[in-house]
Each structure stands twice: as structure tokens, then as C-alpha cells.
Amino acid sequence: MDETPANTAVRLVVLDMAGTTVADGGLVEDAFAAAARALGEDPAPMLGHVRATMGESKIAVFRHLFGDEQRARRANTAFEKAYAELVAAGRIAPLPGAAETVGALRASGRTVVLATGFARTTQDAVLDALGWRDLADLTLCPADAGGRGRPHPDLVLTALLRTRAADDVRQVAVAGDTAYDMLSGARAGAGIVAGVLTGAHDRDRLTAHGATHVLDSVADLPALLAPSAEAVT
């Protein structure tokens, strides 16, 4: 693989939520199914596309599935409602070591941003359920980046612009569990684009879409970014 900049150069870390730092136990698919049924549609034929586009802005997925802006917005509202209800029922938890990883990265002087393809209301519900409101330096959703989520680079670049934590995109590390997370990081020019194997996509898919490193979990990220760390692929 191409060599990445020196690990000591990484000053900003952008972490995905569901599947990377948060274990949601299939809630995304369950909420999509509820949204489809709310519009009188059979969710089964849609789940393949839902799985393939994990990490993308949810409204963008609904626009593709329903092809009509009004129906897409209705479906998105139903999805957000269903997901929030599932979160409130306790069907969500931090992935092992996730909170400790954020704490270690911040203690090392790095700025940490939690980013998601969910709407702000859903992201806030997840943060509240986990007690994570103050965990990271900043949280971002597609609306914060002008409406475009992954696989566009906007969330990563917005994190850079909002925090001013780095002087060069190569000083940014991105970590996520989906191909779209990898594309977003690569398109933003991040020096490290780390795929994690705790979520939607496997090693081959993550690598094919731009991962510079593939880790068992986000808990391995601090070691990767340590000044003395060897390259891990």
C-alpha cells in the first residue's frame, strides 16, 4: 500500500458512529424496514441497497429507493422515528473500547470528531443514550456539512474547517466500518483512512474503497497513531 504520512503528523481524527464506535445490533436495517412499511412498501427488496450504502446520508438512500422527494422525506421521517424508538428501548451500546479510544486520542493532544449519516435529531438521541454528549470535541451530521454525507468528502472537510485542528488534510485520520467511510476519507485526502471490522463491510471491500489500514476495531486506533507504531495493514 502507499505509505502514509508520519503518524506523529495526525492531529485530527474523524470517527464514524454506528458500526465503528457504536454497536446498534441491526437497528439501521430494522428502522429502514419500519420506514418502508410506513409507506406501504415491502422492505425485503430494498435491504440489499441499504446494506451496500451503509454510511451514506439516509435521506440520500431514500431518494434513490423511492425516486420522489416527498416520499423520500416521509420515509426519512419514519426512519428517524423508528430508530429513536429503538434507541430509547435500549437497543444500542458503545463498542468495546470506543469511549476509551476517544479519551486516549484527546489525551494525546488530538482533536476528535464523531460523524454520522444520521440526521441531527437521531445523532443526538444516540449521544444522549450513551452519555456521550461531551465525549468528543465535535459531532457532525450531513446537515452540518451542507447536506451531503458520505461518500462525499464534505463531513471530513467540515471537521477540518470547524476545528482548525490540522494545517494539512494529510494530518487527518478517518476511521469507519463502511466502504463509503473509506471513500469519504480518501476523497478528502486524509493521510490515514482506517477501516474497522466491527460493522457493515469486510476487509476486502474496505481496502478496495481506499482503506490505508484495516483494524479489528476502533480500539486499535491509538496504537496505530502512536509515534512509534509500525504500519498496520
Foldseek 3Di string as FASTA:
>chain_A
DDAFPQLLLAAEEEEEEDLAFKDQPCLQLVLLCQLQVVVVHHCVVVVVVVLQPAQFQQLVSLCVVPVDNVSSVSSLVSSLVSSLVSLVVVRMETDPQNLVLLVVCVVVNHAYEYEGSRDPVSVVSNCVSHVNPPSGPYYYYCVLQVNGTWLALRVVVSSCVVVVRHDDQCSYAYEEAHLRSQNNSVNSVHRAYEHEPRGRDDPVSNVVSHHPAYYPGSNCVVLCSPSPHDDHD
